[in-house]
Amino acid sequence: MSLPYPPPYQDAKTLAAHICLGETTIEEYVAAGLLPRPRKGKGVPLYDWEEVKVYIRGWPVAGPGAVKAHSPPQAPGGSGDITERVRLAAERASRGSAA
């Protein structure tokens, strides 16, 4: 049997490895609206890879003079300015609070 790669649903540890972030950063990005919330059934919370890709496509493009491809999905009650959301998430992380 052959399984898809990356897996369509993945836990925080697997997602962190796929997008080169730490698990704590994943949690902070979810809180800031930069990544989607995971799905929770009876087991471990799982991230939908297709949803994650939509959010990542909304992140700024790297490099000088780069512009965003399109706006990311809006988190309920969240700011639409991704730069501000990243800045606020970084501030919370530096204070040791993901909320």
C-alpha atoms as a PDB file:
ATOM      1  CA  MET A   1       0.000   0.000   0.000  1.00  0.00           C
ATOM      2  CA  SER A   2       1.269   3.472  -0.884  1.00  0.00           C
ATOM      3  CA  LEU A   3       0.391   6.434   1.333  1.00  0.00           C
ATOM      4  CA  PRO A   4       0.186  10.042   0.103  1.00  0.00           C
ATOM      5  CA  TYR A   5       2.990  12.447   0.919  1.00  0.00           C
ATOM      6  CA  PRO A   6       2.579  14.783   2.586  1.00  0.00           C
ATOM      7  CA  PRO A   7      -0.210  13.124   4.545  1.00  0.00           C
ATOM      8  CA  PRO A   8      -3.600  14.777   4.023  1.00  0.00           C
ATOM      9  CA  TYR A   9      -4.060  15.032   7.807  1.00  0.00           C
ATOM     10  CA  GLN A  10      -1.160  15.339  10.205  1.00  0.00           C
ATOM     11  CA  ASP A  11      -0.417  16.007  13.860  1.00  0.00           C
ATOM     12  CA  ALA A  12       1.452  19.124  15.009  1.00  0.00           C
ATOM     13  CA  LYS A  13       4.826  17.343  15.095  1.00  0.00           C
ATOM     14  CA  THR A  14       4.499  16.145  11.493  1.00  0.00           C
ATOM     15  CA  LEU A  15       3.185  19.517  10.303  1.00  0.00           C
ATOM     16  CA  ALA A  16       6.071  21.299  12.048  1.00  0.00           C
ATOM     17  CA  ALA A  17       8.540  19.087  10.174  1.00  0.00           C
ATOM     18  CA  HIS A  18       6.795  19.724   6.842  1.00  0.00           C
ATOM     19  CA  ILE A  19       6.865  23.508   7.129  1.00  0.00           C
ATOM     20  CA  CYS A  20      10.141  23.882   9.060  1.00  0.00           C
ATOM     21  CA  LEU A  21       8.650  25.330  12.256  1.00  0.00           C
ATOM     22  CA  GLY A  22       8.588  24.172  15.853  1.00  0.00           C
ATOM     23  CA  GLU A  23       5.430  22.801  17.445  1.00  0.00           C
ATOM     24  CA  THR A  24       5.185  25.837  19.739  1.00  0.00           C
ATOM     25  CA  THR A  25       5.417  28.127  16.706  1.00  0.00           C
ATOM     26  CA  ILE A  26       2.616  26.131  15.057  1.00  0.00           C
ATOM     27  CA  GLU A  27       0.437  26.822  18.117  1.00  0.00           C
ATOM     28  CA  GLU A  28       1.360  30.529  18.050  1.00  0.00           C
ATOM     29  CA  TYR A  29       0.575  30.794  14.331  1.00  0.00           C
ATOM     30  CA  VAL A  30      -2.815  29.136  14.902  1.00  0.00           C
ATOM     31  CA  ALA A  31      -3.558  31.601  17.730  1.00  0.00           C
ATOM     32  CA  ALA A  32      -2.540  34.514  15.465  1.00  0.00           C
ATOM     33  CA  GLY A  33      -4.686  33.251  12.584  1.00  0.00           C
ATOM     34  CA  LEU A  34      -1.667  32.465  10.406  1.00  0.00           C
ATOM     35  CA  LEU A  35      -2.495  28.738  10.292  1.00  0.00           C
ATOM     36  CA  PRO A  36      -5.860  26.958  10.494  1.00  0.00           C
ATOM     37  CA  ARG A  37      -7.087  25.305  13.666  1.00  0.00           C
ATOM     38  CA  PRO A  38      -6.629  21.528  13.770  1.00  0.00           C
ATOM     39  CA  ARG A  39      -9.517  19.049  13.584  1.00  0.00           C
ATOM     40  CA  LYS A  40     -10.175  17.035  16.719  1.00  0.00           C
ATOM     41  CA  GLY A  41     -11.939  13.706  16.830  1.00  0.00           C
ATOM     42  CA  LYS A  42     -11.375  11.107  19.498  1.00  0.00           C
ATOM     43  CA  GLY A  43      -7.612  11.144  18.989  1.00  0.00           C
ATOM     44  CA  VAL A  44      -4.863  13.692  18.545  1.00  0.00           C
ATOM     45  CA  PRO A  45      -5.723  17.003  16.815  1.00  0.00           C
ATOM     46  CA  LEU A  46      -4.963  16.828  13.087  1.00  0.00           C
ATOM     47  CA  TYR A  47      -4.202  19.577  10.600  1.00  0.00           C
ATOM     48  CA  ASP A  48      -5.760  19.406   7.138  1.00  0.00           C
ATOM     49  CA  TRP A  49      -2.855  19.828   4.691  1.00  0.00           C
ATOM     50  CA  GLU A  50      -5.080  21.449   2.035  1.00  0.00           C
ATOM     51  CA  GLU A  51      -6.207  24.104   4.558  1.00  0.00           C
ATOM     52  CA  VAL A  52      -2.614  24.670   5.680  1.00  0.00           C
ATOM     53  CA  LYS A  53      -1.555  25.246   2.062  1.00  0.00           C
ATOM     54  CA  VAL A  54      -4.261  27.905   1.614  1.00  0.00           C
ATOM     55  CA  TYR A  55      -2.993  29.794   4.660  1.00  0.00           C
ATOM     56  CA  ILE A  56       0.654  29.501   3.638  1.00  0.00           C
ATOM     57  CA  ARG A  57      -0.154  30.838   0.156  1.00  0.00           C
ATOM     58  CA  GLY A  58      -1.400  33.983   1.900  1.00  0.00           C
ATOM     59  CA  TRP A  59       1.897  34.582   3.671  1.00  0.00           C
ATOM     60  CA  PRO A  60       4.196  37.245   2.212  1.00  0.00           C
ATOM     61  CA  VAL A  61       6.533  36.152  -0.558  1.00  0.00           C
ATOM     62  CA  ALA A  62      10.193  36.251   0.505  1.00  0.00           C
ATOM     63  CA  GLY A  63      12.767  38.493  -1.106  1.00  0.00           C
ATOM     64  CA  PRO A  64      13.320  42.159  -1.874  1.00  0.00           C
ATOM     65  CA  GLY A  65      10.382  43.892  -3.517  1.00  0.00           C
ATOM     66  CA  ALA A  66       8.176  40.804  -3.130  1.00  0.00           C
ATOM     67  CA  VAL A  67       4.433  41.141  -2.697  1.00  0.00           C
ATOM     68  CA  LYS A  68       1.805  38.826  -1.295  1.00  0.00           C
ATOM     69  CA  ALA A  69       0.168  36.370  -3.674  1.00  0.00           C
ATOM     70  CA  HIS A  70      -3.238  36.995  -2.076  1.00  0.00           C
ATOM     71  CA  SER A  71      -4.758  37.696   1.318  1.00  0.00           C
ATOM     72  CA  PRO A  72      -4.866  34.842   3.832  1.00  0.00           C
ATOM     73  CA  PRO A  73      -8.173  33.611   5.255  1.00  0.00           C
ATOM     74  CA  GLN A  74      -9.422  35.781   8.072  1.00  0.00           C
ATOM     75  CA  ALA A  75      -9.490  34.367  11.585  1.00  0.00           C
ATOM     76  CA  PRO A  76     -12.662  35.276  13.472  1.00  0.00           C
ATOM     77  CA  GLY A  77     -12.028  38.647  15.044  1.00  0.00           C
ATOM     78  CA  GLY A  78      -8.503  38.751  13.608  1.00  0.00           C
ATOM     79  CA  SER A  79      -6.744  41.587  11.868  1.00  0.00           C
ATOM     80  CA  GLY A  80      -6.391  41.379   8.094  1.00  0.00           C
ATOM     81  CA  ASP A  81      -2.831  42.738   8.140  1.00  0.00           C
ATOM     82  CA  ILE A  82      -0.565  39.682   8.143  1.00  0.00           C
ATOM     83  CA  THR A  83       2.507  41.718   9.056  1.00  0.00           C
ATOM     84  CA  GLU A  84       0.773  43.006  12.166  1.00  0.00           C
ATOM     85  CA  ARG A  85      -0.475  39.522  13.069  1.00  0.00           C
ATOM     86  CA  VAL A  86       3.057  38.099  12.783  1.00  0.00           C
ATOM     87  CA  ARG A  87       4.453  40.951  14.881  1.00  0.00           C
ATOM     88  CA  LEU A  88       1.841  40.397  17.602  1.00  0.00           C
ATOM     89  CA  ALA A  89       2.458  36.630  17.606  1.00  0.00           C
ATOM     90  CA  ALA A  90       6.194  37.234  17.978  1.00  0.00           C
ATOM     91  CA  GLU A  91       5.589  39.620  20.883  1.00  0.00           C
ATOM     92  CA  ARG A  92       3.386  37.067  22.637  1.00  0.00           C
ATOM     93  CA  ALA A  93       6.019  34.372  22.082  1.00  0.00           C
ATOM     94  CA  SER A  94       8.753  36.566  23.544  1.00  0.00           C
ATOM     95  CA  ARG A  95       6.601  37.081  26.644  1.00  0.00           C
ATOM     96  CA  GLY A  96       5.955  33.326  26.879  1.00  0.00           C
ATOM     97  CA  SER A  97       2.245  33.576  26.092  1.00  0.00           C
ATOM     98  CA  ALA A  98       0.515  32.069  23.051  1.00  0.00           C
ATOM     99  CA  ALA A  99      -2.778  33.829  23.849  1.00  0.00           C
END
